[in-house]
Amino acid sequence: MPLFCLMRLQHARFPLRLEEPEEVRRISVLAATGLVDAEFGAHPTLRGSYVAPRIVVVKGITTDGLQELARFVTSAAGVAAPCMALPLPIVKTVRLVPVSNDLFLM
């Protein structure tokens, strides 16, 4: 979700250059809605009449973006999901079976 990426951007140093296609897409949504200031460009080795943006340089978060961040964090009561680009921890569910009073099997 682009808003989660906006949350991650608040901790980034600008200008920030991104080339990952999913990140470029998310930033394009944020830029289109006026939440970030960014410049898009095609990869320098590609030529043609139209080339989809493959590189984005995020210059910063706009005032509207900062207001949206404040509103989002407040509405979520300080609990927000991480950006999809960040790795999530793998949690393994373990069922313990009691064998005796102080011994369990997994």
N, C-alpha and C. Protein backbone atom coordinates (compact mmCIF):
# COMPACT_ATOMS: atom_id res chain seq x y z
N MET A 1 0.84 -1.17 0.00
CA MET A 1 0.00 0.00 0.00
C MET A 1 0.89 1.24 0.00
N PRO A 2 0.62 2.19 -0.89
CA PRO A 2 1.48 3.36 -0.99
C PRO A 2 1.60 4.16 0.31
N LEU A 3 0.54 4.18 1.12
CA LEU A 3 0.61 4.95 2.36
C LEU A 3 1.64 4.39 3.32
N PHE A 4 1.81 3.08 3.33
CA PHE A 4 2.84 2.48 4.18
C PHE A 4 4.23 2.87 3.69
N CYS A 5 4.38 3.00 2.39
CA CYS A 5 5.67 3.45 1.85
C CYS A 5 5.92 4.91 2.23
N LEU A 6 4.86 5.70 2.30
CA LEU A 6 5.00 7.07 2.76
C LEU A 6 5.51 7.09 4.20
N MET A 7 5.02 6.16 5.00
CA MET A 7 5.50 6.06 6.38
C MET A 7 6.99 5.72 6.41
N ARG A 8 7.43 4.83 5.52
CA ARG A 8 8.84 4.48 5.47
C ARG A 8 9.68 5.65 4.97
N LEU A 9 9.13 6.43 4.06
CA LEU A 9 9.87 7.57 3.51
C LEU A 9 10.14 8.65 4.56
N GLN A 10 9.31 8.72 5.60
CA GLN A 10 9.53 9.77 6.59
C GLN A 10 10.85 9.58 7.33
N HIS A 11 11.45 8.40 7.22
CA HIS A 11 12.74 8.13 7.87
C HIS A 11 13.90 8.10 6.87
N ALA A 12 13.62 8.42 5.61
CA ALA A 12 14.65 8.35 4.57
C ALA A 12 15.39 9.67 4.43
N ARG A 13 16.57 9.59 3.82
CA ARG A 13 17.33 10.79 3.49
C ARG A 13 17.06 11.12 2.03
N PHE A 14 16.81 12.38 1.75
CA PHE A 14 16.48 12.81 0.40
C PHE A 14 17.65 13.57 -0.20
N PRO A 15 17.83 13.49 -1.50
CA PRO A 15 17.05 12.76 -2.49
C PRO A 15 17.29 11.25 -2.40
N LEU A 16 16.22 10.51 -2.66
CA LEU A 16 16.26 9.06 -2.58
C LEU A 16 15.97 8.49 -3.97
N ARG A 17 16.91 7.72 -4.50
CA ARG A 17 16.76 7.12 -5.84
C ARG A 17 16.28 5.68 -5.70
N LEU A 18 15.21 5.35 -6.43
CA LEU A 18 14.64 4.00 -6.40
C LEU A 18 14.51 3.47 -7.83
N GLU A 19 14.83 2.18 -8.00
CA GLU A 19 14.72 1.56 -9.32
C GLU A 19 13.83 0.32 -9.31
N GLU A 20 13.44 -0.15 -8.15
CA GLU A 20 12.58 -1.33 -8.03
C GLU A 20 11.20 -1.01 -8.64
N PRO A 21 10.69 -1.81 -9.60
CA PRO A 21 9.43 -1.49 -10.27
C PRO A 21 8.25 -1.26 -9.32
N GLU A 22 8.12 -2.07 -8.29
CA GLU A 22 7.01 -1.89 -7.34
C GLU A 22 7.15 -0.59 -6.57
N GLU A 23 8.37 -0.25 -6.20
CA GLU A 23 8.60 1.00 -5.48
C GLU A 23 8.31 2.20 -6.38
N VAL A 24 8.73 2.12 -7.65
CA VAL A 24 8.46 3.20 -8.60
C VAL A 24 6.95 3.38 -8.75
N ARG A 25 6.21 2.27 -8.81
CA ARG A 25 4.75 2.35 -8.94
C ARG A 25 4.13 3.00 -7.70
N ARG A 26 4.57 2.58 -6.53
CA ARG A 26 4.02 3.16 -5.29
C ARG A 26 4.32 4.65 -5.19
N ILE A 27 5.53 5.04 -5.55
CA ILE A 27 5.90 6.45 -5.49
C ILE A 27 5.10 7.25 -6.52
N SER A 28 4.82 6.64 -7.67
CA SER A 28 4.02 7.35 -8.68
C SER A 28 2.62 7.65 -8.16
N VAL A 29 2.06 6.75 -7.37
CA VAL A 29 0.74 6.99 -6.76
C VAL A 29 0.85 8.13 -5.75
N LEU A 30 1.89 8.09 -4.92
CA LEU A 30 2.07 9.15 -3.93
C LEU A 30 2.31 10.50 -4.58
N ALA A 31 3.07 10.52 -5.68
CA ALA A 31 3.32 11.77 -6.39
C ALA A 31 2.06 12.29 -7.06
N ALA A 32 1.26 11.39 -7.64
CA ALA A 32 0.02 11.79 -8.31
C ALA A 32 -0.98 12.39 -7.33
N THR A 33 -0.94 11.94 -6.10
CA THR A 33 -1.86 12.48 -5.09
C THR A 33 -1.27 13.68 -4.34
N GLY A 34 -0.05 14.07 -4.70
CA GLY A 34 0.56 15.25 -4.12
C GLY A 34 1.17 15.03 -2.75
N LEU A 35 1.45 13.78 -2.39
CA LEU A 35 2.00 13.50 -1.07
C LEU A 35 3.53 13.51 -1.04
N VAL A 36 4.16 13.32 -2.20
CA VAL A 36 5.62 13.40 -2.30
C VAL A 36 6.01 14.21 -3.53
N ASP A 37 7.21 14.76 -3.48
CA ASP A 37 7.79 15.45 -4.62
C ASP A 37 8.81 14.51 -5.23
N ALA A 38 8.59 14.11 -6.49
CA ALA A 38 9.46 13.11 -7.11
C ALA A 38 9.62 13.40 -8.60
N GLU A 39 10.76 12.95 -9.13
CA GLU A 39 11.04 13.03 -10.57
C GLU A 39 11.18 11.62 -11.11
N PHE A 40 10.53 11.36 -12.23
CA PHE A 40 10.55 10.04 -12.85
C PHE A 40 11.34 10.09 -14.14
N GLY A 41 11.99 8.98 -14.46
CA GLY A 41 12.74 8.90 -15.70
C GLY A 41 12.84 7.48 -16.18
N ALA A 42 13.12 7.36 -17.47
CA ALA A 42 13.34 6.03 -18.06
C ALA A 42 14.78 5.63 -17.81
N HIS A 43 15.02 4.35 -17.88
CA HIS A 43 16.39 3.86 -17.74
C HIS A 43 17.20 4.41 -18.90
N PRO A 44 18.40 4.91 -18.67
CA PRO A 44 19.17 5.56 -19.74
C PRO A 44 19.49 4.66 -20.93
N THR A 45 19.46 3.35 -20.78
CA THR A 45 19.79 2.48 -21.91
C THR A 45 18.58 2.16 -22.78
N LEU A 46 17.39 2.54 -22.35
CA LEU A 46 16.18 2.24 -23.12
C LEU A 46 15.80 3.43 -24.00
N ARG A 47 15.39 3.14 -25.20
CA ARG A 47 14.98 4.18 -26.15
C ARG A 47 13.63 3.80 -26.74
N GLY A 48 12.87 4.79 -27.18
CA GLY A 48 11.59 4.53 -27.81
C GLY A 48 10.68 5.73 -27.67
N SER A 49 9.49 5.67 -28.29
CA SER A 49 8.56 6.80 -28.21
C SER A 49 7.97 6.95 -26.82
N TYR A 50 7.71 5.83 -26.16
CA TYR A 50 7.26 5.89 -24.76
C TYR A 50 7.91 4.76 -24.00
N VAL A 51 8.51 5.11 -22.91
CA VAL A 51 9.13 4.12 -22.03
C VAL A 51 8.60 4.39 -20.63
N ALA A 52 8.05 3.36 -20.01
CA ALA A 52 7.52 3.51 -18.66
C ALA A 52 8.64 3.92 -17.70
N PRO A 53 8.31 4.75 -16.72
CA PRO A 53 9.35 5.16 -15.76
C PRO A 53 9.96 3.96 -15.06
N ARG A 54 11.27 3.95 -14.98
CA ARG A 54 11.97 2.86 -14.30
C ARG A 54 12.82 3.37 -13.15
N ILE A 55 12.96 4.67 -13.10
CA ILE A 55 13.77 5.28 -12.05
C ILE A 55 12.96 6.43 -11.45
N VAL A 56 13.00 6.55 -10.15
CA VAL A 56 12.35 7.68 -9.50
C VAL A 56 13.33 8.25 -8.47
N VAL A 57 13.37 9.56 -8.42
CA VAL A 57 14.16 10.24 -7.40
C VAL A 57 13.16 11.02 -6.54
N VAL A 58 13.02 10.58 -5.31
CA VAL A 58 12.10 11.24 -4.38
C VAL A 58 12.86 12.39 -3.74
N LYS A 59 12.33 13.60 -3.91
CA LYS A 59 12.98 14.79 -3.37
C LYS A 59 12.55 15.07 -1.94
N GLY A 60 11.34 14.64 -1.59
CA GLY A 60 10.87 14.88 -0.23
C GLY A 60 9.39 14.61 -0.10
N ILE A 61 8.90 14.74 1.12
CA ILE A 61 7.48 14.58 1.42
C ILE A 61 6.88 15.98 1.48
N THR A 62 5.75 16.16 0.81
CA THR A 62 5.10 17.47 0.79
C THR A 62 4.39 17.73 2.11
N THR A 63 3.91 18.96 2.28
CA THR A 63 3.15 19.32 3.47
C THR A 63 1.89 18.46 3.56
N ASP A 64 1.23 18.23 2.42
CA ASP A 64 0.05 17.35 2.42
C ASP A 64 0.43 15.94 2.84
N GLY A 65 1.60 15.48 2.42
CA GLY A 65 2.06 14.15 2.80
C GLY A 65 2.30 14.05 4.30
N LEU A 66 2.88 15.08 4.88
CA LEU A 66 3.10 15.09 6.32
C LEU A 66 1.79 15.12 7.09
N GLN A 67 0.82 15.86 6.58
CA GLN A 67 -0.50 15.90 7.22
C GLN A 67 -1.19 14.54 7.13
N GLU A 68 -1.05 13.89 5.99
CA GLU A 68 -1.63 12.55 5.82
C GLU A 68 -0.98 11.55 6.76
N LEU A 69 0.33 11.64 6.93
CA LEU A 69 1.03 10.76 7.86
C LEU A 69 0.51 10.97 9.29
N ALA A 70 0.35 12.22 9.68
CA ALA A 70 -0.14 12.53 11.03
C ALA A 70 -1.55 11.99 11.22
N ARG A 71 -2.39 12.15 10.21
CA ARG A 71 -3.77 11.66 10.30
C ARG A 71 -3.81 10.13 10.34
N PHE A 72 -2.96 9.49 9.55
CA PHE A 72 -2.94 8.03 9.51
C PHE A 72 -2.47 7.44 10.83
N VAL A 73 -1.40 7.98 11.38
CA VAL A 73 -0.87 7.46 12.63
C VAL A 73 -1.87 7.69 13.76
N THR A 74 -2.52 8.85 13.76
CA THR A 74 -3.51 9.15 14.80
C THR A 74 -4.71 8.23 14.69
N SER A 75 -5.20 7.99 13.47
CA SER A 75 -6.38 7.13 13.30
C SER A 75 -6.07 5.67 13.59
N ALA A 76 -4.81 5.26 13.41
CA ALA A 76 -4.44 3.88 13.68
C ALA A 76 -4.00 3.68 15.12
N ALA A 77 -4.12 4.73 15.94
CA ALA A 77 -3.75 4.68 17.36
C ALA A 77 -2.30 4.24 17.55
N GLY A 78 -1.45 4.69 16.63
CA GLY A 78 -0.03 4.37 16.75
C GLY A 78 0.36 3.00 16.25
N VAL A 79 -0.59 2.23 15.72
CA VAL A 79 -0.28 0.89 15.23
C VAL A 79 -0.46 0.91 13.72
N ALA A 80 0.62 0.68 12.99
CA ALA A 80 0.55 0.68 11.54
C ALA A 80 1.30 -0.51 10.99
N ALA A 81 0.79 -1.03 9.88
CA ALA A 81 1.45 -2.16 9.23
C ALA A 81 2.70 -1.67 8.51
N PRO A 82 3.72 -2.49 8.38
CA PRO A 82 4.94 -2.09 7.70
C PRO A 82 4.74 -2.00 6.19
N CYS A 83 5.61 -1.28 5.55
CA CYS A 83 5.58 -1.20 4.09
C CYS A 83 5.83 -2.58 3.51
N MET A 84 5.19 -2.89 2.40
CA MET A 84 5.35 -4.21 1.80
C MET A 84 6.79 -4.46 1.37
N ALA A 85 7.56 -3.40 1.17
CA ALA A 85 8.94 -3.59 0.76
C ALA A 85 9.83 -4.05 1.91
N LEU A 86 9.36 -3.86 3.13
CA LEU A 86 10.15 -4.29 4.27
C LEU A 86 9.85 -5.75 4.57
N PRO A 87 10.87 -6.51 4.93
CA PRO A 87 10.63 -7.92 5.24
C PRO A 87 9.83 -8.08 6.52
N LEU A 88 8.90 -9.01 6.51
CA LEU A 88 8.11 -9.31 7.69
C LEU A 88 8.72 -10.50 8.41
N PRO A 89 8.67 -10.51 9.73
CA PRO A 89 9.22 -11.66 10.43
C PRO A 89 8.39 -12.91 10.18
N ILE A 90 9.05 -14.03 10.13
CA ILE A 90 8.35 -15.30 9.95
C ILE A 90 8.05 -15.85 11.34
N VAL A 91 6.77 -16.08 11.58
CA VAL A 91 6.35 -16.58 12.88
C VAL A 91 5.88 -18.01 12.71
N LYS A 92 6.45 -18.89 13.48
CA LYS A 92 6.08 -20.30 13.41
C LYS A 92 5.19 -20.62 14.60
N THR A 93 4.04 -21.20 14.33
CA THR A 93 3.15 -21.61 15.39
C THR A 93 3.56 -23.00 15.86
N VAL A 94 3.73 -23.12 17.16
CA VAL A 94 4.18 -24.39 17.74
C VAL A 94 3.11 -24.85 18.73
N ARG A 95 2.75 -26.09 18.62
CA ARG A 95 1.79 -26.68 19.55
C ARG A 95 2.55 -27.55 20.53
N LEU A 96 2.41 -27.24 21.80
CA LEU A 96 3.09 -28.00 22.84
C LEU A 96 2.15 -29.07 23.38
N VAL A 97 2.65 -30.29 23.45
CA VAL A 97 1.87 -31.41 23.97
C VAL A 97 2.50 -31.83 25.30
N PRO A 98 1.74 -31.75 26.39
CA PRO A 98 2.31 -32.13 27.68
C PRO A 98 2.56 -33.64 27.76
N VAL A 99 3.75 -34.00 28.19
CA VAL A 99 4.13 -35.40 28.38
C VAL A 99 4.12 -35.71 29.89
N SER A 100 4.61 -34.77 30.64
CA SER A 100 4.58 -34.87 32.09
C SER A 100 4.44 -33.46 32.64
N ASN A 101 4.57 -33.28 33.94
CA ASN A 101 4.38 -31.95 34.55
C ASN A 101 5.41 -30.93 34.07
N ASP A 102 6.61 -31.35 33.75
CA ASP A 102 7.65 -30.40 33.35
C ASP A 102 8.26 -30.72 32.00
N LEU A 103 7.64 -31.57 31.19
CA LEU A 103 8.18 -31.95 29.90
C LEU A 103 7.11 -31.79 28.83
N PHE A 104 7.44 -31.09 27.75
CA PHE A 104 6.51 -30.89 26.64
C PHE A 104 7.19 -31.30 25.35
N LEU A 105 6.40 -31.79 24.41
CA LEU A 105 6.88 -32.12 23.06
C LEU A 105 6.31 -31.11 22.09
N MET A 106 7.11 -30.79 21.08
CA MET A 106 6.63 -29.88 20.05
C MET A 106 6.21 -30.67 18.83
